[in-house]
Every structure is written in C-alpha cells, then in structure tokens.
Amino acid sequence: MAEREWGAKPTFKSYVYFLDEFKSGLFTYGIVDAQGKDAELGKFGKEDCDFCSDNHLVLQIEGEKRTDQR
C-alpha cells in the first residue's frame, strides 16, 4: 500500500461498490460515504448462488450499456 497520495482527490457524495473476488469465488458489495468510509453490506460465494457458473458471480445484463465500467 502506498505511503503517499498524489493527484486531485475526486469529490463525491457517496457510491456503492461491487467487488468480484473471482479467485476466491467471493462477491462483496457495500457503500462508501462522502467521508470515504466504507460499509460492507453483504457478500456471498458461488456455492450460495443459484445462477453462478464457472466462477462468474457478476453477469452482464442483456441490453445494458455501461458507461462506468473499467
């Protein structure tokens, strides 16, 4: 982890996050507030999922046009 920060810190009110930890087969989601504090809202593994296959916990929505995907 870096000891220093650089660049302009983005301003935001709050956002949600979705983390696909594919190597461990775990999917985590939560919310980050305006102060940057995160709160995990839940998580599940592929064994808890009826629709998951081949370790894919996040599925593309048919017809969805993403503008924020990295």
N, C-alpha and C. Protein backbone atom coordinates (compact mmCIF):
# COMPACT_ATOMS: atom_id res chain seq x y z
N MET A 1 0.84 -1.17 0.00
CA MET A 1 0.00 0.00 0.00
C MET A 1 0.89 1.24 0.00
N ALA A 2 0.50 2.24 -0.73
CA ALA A 2 1.30 3.45 -0.87
C ALA A 2 1.31 4.27 0.42
N GLU A 3 2.41 4.89 0.70
CA GLU A 3 2.54 5.76 1.87
C GLU A 3 2.11 7.19 1.53
N ARG A 4 2.13 7.54 0.24
CA ARG A 4 1.83 8.91 -0.18
C ARG A 4 0.63 8.93 -1.10
N GLU A 5 0.01 10.10 -1.19
CA GLU A 5 -1.09 10.30 -2.14
C GLU A 5 -0.67 11.37 -3.12
N TRP A 6 -1.15 11.29 -4.34
CA TRP A 6 -0.86 12.32 -5.33
C TRP A 6 -2.09 12.50 -6.21
N GLY A 7 -2.13 13.62 -6.89
CA GLY A 7 -3.28 13.92 -7.76
C GLY A 7 -4.40 14.56 -6.97
N ALA A 8 -5.40 15.00 -7.70
CA ALA A 8 -6.56 15.63 -7.07
C ALA A 8 -7.55 14.56 -6.63
N LYS A 9 -7.96 14.65 -5.39
CA LYS A 9 -8.92 13.69 -4.85
C LYS A 9 -10.30 14.01 -5.42
N PRO A 10 -10.99 13.04 -5.98
CA PRO A 10 -12.32 13.32 -6.55
C PRO A 10 -13.33 13.66 -5.46
N THR A 11 -14.28 14.50 -5.81
CA THR A 11 -15.34 14.83 -4.87
C THR A 11 -16.56 13.98 -5.22
N PHE A 12 -17.20 13.43 -4.22
CA PHE A 12 -18.39 12.63 -4.42
C PHE A 12 -19.22 12.64 -3.16
N LYS A 13 -20.48 12.34 -3.30
CA LYS A 13 -21.37 12.27 -2.13
C LYS A 13 -21.28 10.88 -1.51
N SER A 14 -21.60 9.89 -2.26
CA SER A 14 -21.46 8.50 -1.82
C SER A 14 -21.63 7.61 -3.05
N TYR A 15 -21.24 6.38 -2.91
CA TYR A 15 -21.42 5.43 -4.00
C TYR A 15 -21.48 4.02 -3.46
N VAL A 16 -21.94 3.12 -4.29
CA VAL A 16 -21.95 1.71 -3.95
C VAL A 16 -20.82 1.02 -4.70
N TYR A 17 -20.36 -0.08 -4.18
CA TYR A 17 -19.32 -0.84 -4.87
C TYR A 17 -19.70 -2.31 -4.92
N PHE A 18 -19.18 -2.96 -5.93
CA PHE A 18 -19.37 -4.39 -6.15
C PHE A 18 -18.00 -4.97 -6.46
N LEU A 19 -17.56 -5.92 -5.70
CA LEU A 19 -16.23 -6.48 -5.85
C LEU A 19 -16.33 -7.97 -6.12
N ASP A 20 -15.91 -8.36 -7.31
CA ASP A 20 -15.91 -9.76 -7.71
C ASP A 20 -14.52 -10.33 -7.45
N GLU A 21 -14.37 -11.03 -6.34
CA GLU A 21 -13.09 -11.64 -6.00
C GLU A 21 -13.08 -13.05 -6.61
N PHE A 22 -12.88 -13.08 -7.92
CA PHE A 22 -13.06 -14.32 -8.69
C PHE A 22 -12.14 -15.44 -8.28
N LYS A 23 -10.94 -15.15 -7.83
CA LYS A 23 -10.03 -16.22 -7.45
C LYS A 23 -10.49 -16.95 -6.19
N SER A 24 -11.13 -16.21 -5.30
CA SER A 24 -11.62 -16.84 -4.07
C SER A 24 -13.07 -17.29 -4.20
N GLY A 25 -13.72 -16.92 -5.32
CA GLY A 25 -15.12 -17.29 -5.51
C GLY A 25 -16.06 -16.51 -4.62
N LEU A 26 -15.68 -15.28 -4.26
CA LEU A 26 -16.46 -14.46 -3.34
C LEU A 26 -16.87 -13.16 -4.02
N PHE A 27 -18.09 -12.71 -3.76
CA PHE A 27 -18.61 -11.45 -4.29
C PHE A 27 -19.02 -10.59 -3.09
N THR A 28 -18.47 -9.37 -3.01
CA THR A 28 -18.73 -8.46 -1.90
C THR A 28 -19.34 -7.18 -2.43
N TYR A 29 -20.26 -6.59 -1.68
CA TYR A 29 -20.84 -5.31 -2.08
C TYR A 29 -21.07 -4.44 -0.86
N GLY A 30 -21.08 -3.12 -1.09
CA GLY A 30 -21.25 -2.20 0.03
C GLY A 30 -21.43 -0.78 -0.44
N ILE A 31 -21.26 0.17 0.47
CA ILE A 31 -21.44 1.58 0.20
C ILE A 31 -20.28 2.36 0.81
N VAL A 32 -19.88 3.44 0.15
CA VAL A 32 -18.85 4.34 0.65
C VAL A 32 -19.50 5.71 0.82
N ASP A 33 -19.32 6.33 2.01
CA ASP A 33 -19.96 7.63 2.26
C ASP A 33 -19.06 8.77 1.78
N ALA A 34 -19.52 10.00 1.93
CA ALA A 34 -18.81 11.18 1.45
C ALA A 34 -17.45 11.36 2.13
N GLN A 35 -17.28 10.81 3.34
CA GLN A 35 -16.00 10.91 4.04
C GLN A 35 -15.03 9.80 3.63
N GLY A 36 -15.48 8.89 2.76
CA GLY A 36 -14.63 7.81 2.29
C GLY A 36 -14.68 6.56 3.15
N LYS A 37 -15.56 6.52 4.12
CA LYS A 37 -15.69 5.33 4.98
C LYS A 37 -16.61 4.32 4.30
N ASP A 38 -16.13 3.10 4.24
CA ASP A 38 -16.94 2.08 3.56
C ASP A 38 -17.63 1.18 4.57
N ALA A 39 -18.78 0.68 4.15
CA ALA A 39 -19.55 -0.26 4.95
C ALA A 39 -19.96 -1.41 4.05
N GLU A 40 -19.46 -2.59 4.37
CA GLU A 40 -19.82 -3.77 3.61
C GLU A 40 -21.27 -4.13 3.93
N LEU A 41 -22.09 -4.27 2.89
CA LEU A 41 -23.49 -4.60 3.08
C LEU A 41 -23.76 -6.10 2.98
N GLY A 42 -22.88 -6.80 2.30
CA GLY A 42 -23.08 -8.24 2.19
C GLY A 42 -22.04 -8.90 1.31
N LYS A 43 -22.06 -10.22 1.33
CA LYS A 43 -21.18 -11.00 0.46
C LYS A 43 -21.75 -12.39 0.31
N PHE A 44 -21.39 -13.02 -0.79
CA PHE A 44 -21.79 -14.41 -1.00
C PHE A 44 -20.76 -15.10 -1.87
N GLY A 45 -20.75 -16.39 -1.80
CA GLY A 45 -19.84 -17.19 -2.60
C GLY A 45 -20.60 -17.93 -3.68
N LYS A 46 -19.86 -18.52 -4.59
CA LYS A 46 -20.51 -19.20 -5.72
C LYS A 46 -21.38 -20.36 -5.25
N GLU A 47 -21.06 -20.95 -4.10
CA GLU A 47 -21.89 -22.05 -3.58
C GLU A 47 -23.23 -21.54 -3.05
N ASP A 48 -23.34 -20.23 -2.78
CA ASP A 48 -24.59 -19.63 -2.30
C ASP A 48 -25.47 -19.12 -3.45
N CYS A 49 -25.00 -19.29 -4.66
CA CYS A 49 -25.65 -18.65 -5.81
C CYS A 49 -26.26 -19.68 -6.75
N ASP A 50 -27.55 -19.52 -7.06
CA ASP A 50 -28.23 -20.45 -7.96
C ASP A 50 -27.87 -20.24 -9.42
N PHE A 51 -27.53 -18.98 -9.79
CA PHE A 51 -27.30 -18.65 -11.20
C PHE A 51 -25.83 -18.57 -11.57
N CYS A 52 -24.93 -18.78 -10.62
CA CYS A 52 -23.50 -18.66 -10.90
C CYS A 52 -22.97 -19.93 -11.57
N SER A 53 -22.10 -19.72 -12.53
CA SER A 53 -21.46 -20.85 -13.19
C SER A 53 -20.04 -20.49 -13.58
N ASP A 54 -19.19 -21.46 -13.59
CA ASP A 54 -17.79 -21.26 -13.97
C ASP A 54 -17.15 -20.10 -13.21
N ASN A 55 -17.50 -19.95 -11.95
CA ASN A 55 -16.92 -18.92 -11.09
C ASN A 55 -17.29 -17.49 -11.51
N HIS A 56 -18.36 -17.30 -12.30
CA HIS A 56 -18.80 -15.96 -12.69
C HIS A 56 -19.92 -15.53 -11.76
N LEU A 57 -19.61 -14.60 -10.84
CA LEU A 57 -20.61 -14.13 -9.90
C LEU A 57 -21.33 -12.89 -10.41
N VAL A 58 -20.71 -12.17 -11.34
CA VAL A 58 -21.32 -10.98 -11.91
C VAL A 58 -21.68 -11.30 -13.35
N LEU A 59 -22.93 -11.08 -13.70
CA LEU A 59 -23.40 -11.39 -15.04
C LEU A 59 -23.78 -10.12 -15.77
N GLN A 60 -23.51 -10.07 -17.06
CA GLN A 60 -23.90 -8.93 -17.87
C GLN A 60 -25.42 -8.95 -18.07
N ILE A 61 -26.03 -7.78 -17.97
CA ILE A 61 -27.46 -7.66 -18.19
C ILE A 61 -27.69 -7.43 -19.68
N GLU A 62 -28.52 -8.26 -20.28
CA GLU A 62 -28.77 -8.15 -21.71
C GLU A 62 -29.29 -6.76 -22.06
N GLY A 63 -28.64 -6.10 -23.03
CA GLY A 63 -29.05 -4.78 -23.49
C GLY A 63 -28.50 -3.63 -22.65
N GLU A 64 -27.76 -3.94 -21.58
CA GLU A 64 -27.20 -2.89 -20.72
C GLU A 64 -26.06 -2.18 -21.42
N LYS A 65 -26.07 -0.84 -21.38
CA LYS A 65 -24.98 -0.04 -21.95
C LYS A 65 -24.26 0.63 -20.80
N ARG A 66 -23.08 0.11 -20.44
CA ARG A 66 -22.32 0.62 -19.30
C ARG A 66 -21.45 1.81 -19.72
N THR A 67 -21.40 2.80 -18.88
CA THR A 67 -20.52 3.96 -19.11
C THR A 67 -19.47 4.07 -18.02
N ASP A 68 -19.61 3.31 -16.94
CA ASP A 68 -18.70 3.44 -15.80
C ASP A 68 -17.77 2.26 -15.63
N GLN A 69 -17.86 1.27 -16.48
CA GLN A 69 -17.08 0.05 -16.33
C GLN A 69 -15.61 0.30 -16.63
N ARG A 70 -14.75 -0.31 -15.81
CA ARG A 70 -13.31 -0.23 -16.06
C ARG A 70 -12.80 -1.57 -16.51
